[in-house]
């Protein structure tokens, strides 16, 4: 079993920055793709950014140039650096780990990000 624990959410003003962290309970990055998703009230959960086991990175169009996903293999931790935040970025952000087979998924508990003046 894999546990994912997110941290780093909070309240920030428009234009501000936050860094989210997702700590995995063990070293899984060689066989799992890691992703950040978000879900705003009344909306479906959507992919924000992902990094594959091979290191390929994908961003949703709405965060390109503002968010950066990265990982620290030694710390079993994935990060999401969020800059130039907008009110529409307000959501619960979830960390996801998907096994390369596509058959196993793990989710964190989520962390709230609120962008407001």
C-alpha atoms as a PDB file:
ATOM      1  CA  UNK A   1       0.000   0.000   0.000  1.00  0.00           C
ATOM      2  CA  UNK A   2       1.092   3.547  -0.727  1.00  0.00           C
ATOM      3  CA  UNK A   3       0.144   6.559   1.339  1.00  0.00           C
ATOM      4  CA  UNK A   4       0.348  10.056  -0.078  1.00  0.00           C
ATOM      5  CA  UNK A   5       0.319  13.089   2.188  1.00  0.00           C
ATOM      6  CA  UNK A   6      -0.104  16.573   0.757  1.00  0.00           C
ATOM      7  CA  UNK A   7       0.862  19.802   2.447  1.00  0.00           C
ATOM      8  CA  UNK A   8       1.455  23.429   1.604  1.00  0.00           C
ATOM      9  CA  UNK A   9      -2.018  24.698   0.831  1.00  0.00           C
ATOM     10  CA  UNK A  10      -3.435  27.880   2.241  1.00  0.00           C
ATOM     11  CA  UNK A  11      -4.797  31.336   1.536  1.00  0.00           C
ATOM     12  CA  UNK A  12      -2.858  33.570  -0.832  1.00  0.00           C
ATOM     13  CA  UNK A  13      -3.569  36.824  -2.630  1.00  0.00           C
ATOM     14  CA  UNK A  14      -3.901  36.973  -6.409  1.00  0.00           C
ATOM     15  CA  UNK A  15      -0.458  37.042  -7.989  1.00  0.00           C
ATOM     16  CA  UNK A  16       1.069  35.204  -5.054  1.00  0.00           C
ATOM     17  CA  UNK A  17       2.821  31.852  -4.849  1.00  0.00           C
ATOM     18  CA  UNK A  18       2.485  28.572  -3.000  1.00  0.00           C
ATOM     19  CA  UNK A  19       4.406  25.325  -3.088  1.00  0.00           C
ATOM     20  CA  UNK A  20       2.542  22.084  -2.536  1.00  0.00           C
ATOM     21  CA  UNK A  21       4.298  18.935  -1.401  1.00  0.00           C
ATOM     22  CA  UNK A  22       3.239  15.311  -1.714  1.00  0.00           C
ATOM     23  CA  UNK A  23       5.199  12.822   0.361  1.00  0.00           C
ATOM     24  CA  UNK A  24       4.912   9.161  -0.569  1.00  0.00           C
ATOM     25  CA  UNK A  25       5.276   6.485   2.098  1.00  0.00           C
ATOM     26  CA  UNK A  26       7.909   4.678   0.060  1.00  0.00           C
ATOM     27  CA  UNK A  27      10.023   4.988  -3.082  1.00  0.00           C
ATOM     28  CA  UNK A  28       7.592   4.551  -5.961  1.00  0.00           C
ATOM     29  CA  UNK A  29       8.699   7.021  -8.600  1.00  0.00           C
ATOM     30  CA  UNK A  30      10.378   4.391 -10.764  1.00  0.00           C
ATOM     31  CA  UNK A  31       7.074   2.609 -11.382  1.00  0.00           C
ATOM     32  CA  UNK A  32       4.457   5.293 -10.757  1.00  0.00           C
ATOM     33  CA  UNK A  33       3.577   8.450 -12.585  1.00  0.00           C
ATOM     34  CA  UNK A  34       2.826  11.266 -10.176  1.00  0.00           C
ATOM     35  CA  UNK A  35       0.213  13.886 -10.785  1.00  0.00           C
ATOM     36  CA  UNK A  36      -1.483  16.870  -9.227  1.00  0.00           C
ATOM     37  CA  UNK A  37      -5.225  17.254  -9.731  1.00  0.00           C
ATOM     38  CA  UNK A  38      -7.641  19.838  -8.468  1.00  0.00           C
ATOM     39  CA  UNK A  39     -11.351  20.066  -7.821  1.00  0.00           C
ATOM     40  CA  UNK A  40     -13.236  23.290  -7.367  1.00  0.00           C
ATOM     41  CA  UNK A  41     -16.727  23.361  -5.811  1.00  0.00           C
ATOM     42  CA  UNK A  42     -19.309  22.133  -8.266  1.00  0.00           C
ATOM     43  CA  UNK A  43     -16.715  21.105 -10.826  1.00  0.00           C
ATOM     44  CA  UNK A  44     -15.091  17.860 -11.861  1.00  0.00           C
ATOM     45  CA  UNK A  45     -11.616  16.919 -10.766  1.00  0.00           C
ATOM     46  CA  UNK A  46      -9.085  17.920 -13.401  1.00  0.00           C
ATOM     47  CA  UNK A  47      -5.444  17.187 -14.086  1.00  0.00           C
ATOM     48  CA  UNK A  48      -3.083  20.068 -13.361  1.00  0.00           C
ATOM     49  CA  UNK A  49       0.351  18.557 -13.958  1.00  0.00           C
ATOM     50  CA  UNK A  50       1.996  15.150 -14.116  1.00  0.00           C
ATOM     51  CA  UNK A  51       5.449  13.637 -14.216  1.00  0.00           C
ATOM     52  CA  UNK A  52       6.015  10.107 -15.467  1.00  0.00           C
ATOM     53  CA  UNK A  53       8.421   7.556 -14.048  1.00  0.00           C
ATOM     54  CA  UNK A  54      10.732   8.432 -16.929  1.00  0.00           C
ATOM     55  CA  UNK A  55      10.614  12.123 -16.100  1.00  0.00           C
ATOM     56  CA  UNK A  56       8.310  13.350 -18.863  1.00  0.00           C
ATOM     57  CA  UNK A  57       6.179  16.271 -17.757  1.00  0.00           C
ATOM     58  CA  UNK A  58       2.744  17.401 -18.811  1.00  0.00           C
ATOM     59  CA  UNK A  59       0.854  20.548 -17.861  1.00  0.00           C
ATOM     60  CA  UNK A  60      -2.735  21.533 -18.358  1.00  0.00           C
ATOM     61  CA  UNK A  61      -2.994  24.548 -20.636  1.00  0.00           C
ATOM     62  CA  UNK A  62      -4.454  26.705 -17.886  1.00  0.00           C
ATOM     63  CA  UNK A  63      -1.269  26.444 -15.757  1.00  0.00           C
ATOM     64  CA  UNK A  64       1.459  26.476 -18.390  1.00  0.00           C
ATOM     65  CA  UNK A  65       4.085  29.045 -17.566  1.00  0.00           C
ATOM     66  CA  UNK A  66       2.790  29.485 -14.013  1.00  0.00           C
ATOM     67  CA  UNK A  67       3.087  26.078 -12.314  1.00  0.00           C
ATOM     68  CA  UNK A  68       6.049  23.728 -12.122  1.00  0.00           C
ATOM     69  CA  UNK A  69       5.987  20.073 -11.091  1.00  0.00           C
ATOM     70  CA  UNK A  70       9.130  18.436  -9.785  1.00  0.00           C
ATOM     71  CA  UNK A  71      10.182  15.515  -7.639  1.00  0.00           C
ATOM     72  CA  UNK A  72      12.903  14.653  -5.172  1.00  0.00           C
ATOM     73  CA  UNK A  73      13.626  10.937  -5.411  1.00  0.00           C
ATOM     74  CA  UNK A  74      15.690  10.929  -2.218  1.00  0.00           C
ATOM     75  CA  UNK A  75      12.772  12.365  -0.244  1.00  0.00           C
ATOM     76  CA  UNK A  76      10.007  10.445  -2.057  1.00  0.00           C
ATOM     77  CA  UNK A  77       8.330  13.807  -2.537  1.00  0.00           C
ATOM     78  CA  UNK A  78       6.669  15.536  -5.462  1.00  0.00           C
ATOM     79  CA  UNK A  79       6.204  19.292  -5.543  1.00  0.00           C
ATOM     80  CA  UNK A  80       3.940  21.716  -7.319  1.00  0.00           C
ATOM     81  CA  UNK A  81       5.296  25.253  -7.402  1.00  0.00           C
ATOM     82  CA  UNK A  82       2.432  27.615  -8.153  1.00  0.00           C
ATOM     83  CA  UNK A  83       3.192  31.182  -9.192  1.00  0.00           C
ATOM     84  CA  UNK A  84       1.013  34.039 -10.444  1.00  0.00           C
ATOM     85  CA  UNK A  85      -1.985  32.500  -8.749  1.00  0.00           C
ATOM     86  CA  UNK A  86      -5.453  33.531  -9.842  1.00  0.00           C
ATOM     87  CA  UNK A  87      -8.799  33.336  -8.036  1.00  0.00           C
ATOM     88  CA  UNK A  88      -9.826  30.617 -10.480  1.00  0.00           C
ATOM     89  CA  UNK A  89      -7.007  28.443  -9.138  1.00  0.00           C
ATOM     90  CA  UNK A  90      -8.978  28.088  -5.917  1.00  0.00           C
ATOM     91  CA  UNK A  91      -9.648  24.390  -5.351  1.00  0.00           C
ATOM     92  CA  UNK A  92      -8.725  21.345  -3.347  1.00  0.00           C
ATOM     93  CA  UNK A  93      -5.492  19.985  -4.798  1.00  0.00           C
ATOM     94  CA  UNK A  94      -4.899  16.257  -4.765  1.00  0.00           C
ATOM     95  CA  UNK A  95      -1.775  14.218  -5.278  1.00  0.00           C
ATOM     96  CA  UNK A  96      -2.113  11.063  -7.378  1.00  0.00           C
ATOM     97  CA  UNK A  97       0.135   8.090  -8.028  1.00  0.00           C
ATOM     98  CA  UNK A  98      -0.683   5.879 -11.011  1.00  0.00           C
ATOM     99  CA  UNK A  99       1.116   2.587 -11.538  1.00  0.00           C
ATOM    100  CA  UNK A 100       2.663   2.192 -15.005  1.00  0.00           C
ATOM    101  CA  UNK A 101       0.181  -0.653 -15.664  1.00  0.00           C
ATOM    102  CA  UNK A 102      -2.637   1.830 -15.286  1.00  0.00           C
ATOM    103  CA  UNK A 103      -4.389  -0.555 -12.928  1.00  0.00           C
ATOM    104  CA  UNK A 104      -3.479   0.943  -9.564  1.00  0.00           C
ATOM    105  CA  UNK A 105      -4.154   4.464  -8.361  1.00  0.00           C
ATOM    106  CA  UNK A 106      -3.481   6.110  -5.033  1.00  0.00           C
ATOM    107  CA  UNK A 107      -4.798   9.472  -3.860  1.00  0.00           C
ATOM    108  CA  UNK A 108      -3.827  11.847  -1.126  1.00  0.00           C
ATOM    109  CA  UNK A 109      -6.358  13.485   1.162  1.00  0.00           C
ATOM    110  CA  UNK A 110      -6.172  16.843  -0.596  1.00  0.00           C
ATOM    111  CA  UNK A 111      -5.053  20.305   0.440  1.00  0.00           C
ATOM    112  CA  UNK A 112      -7.106  23.473   0.080  1.00  0.00           C
ATOM    113  CA  UNK A 113      -5.745  26.352  -1.975  1.00  0.00           C
ATOM    114  CA  UNK A 114      -7.663  29.619  -1.806  1.00  0.00           C
ATOM    115  CA  UNK A 115      -6.687  32.611  -3.909  1.00  0.00           C
ATOM    116  CA  UNK A 116      -8.461  35.716  -2.727  1.00  0.00           C
ATOM    117  CA  UNK A 117      -7.827  39.307  -1.808  1.00  0.00           C
END
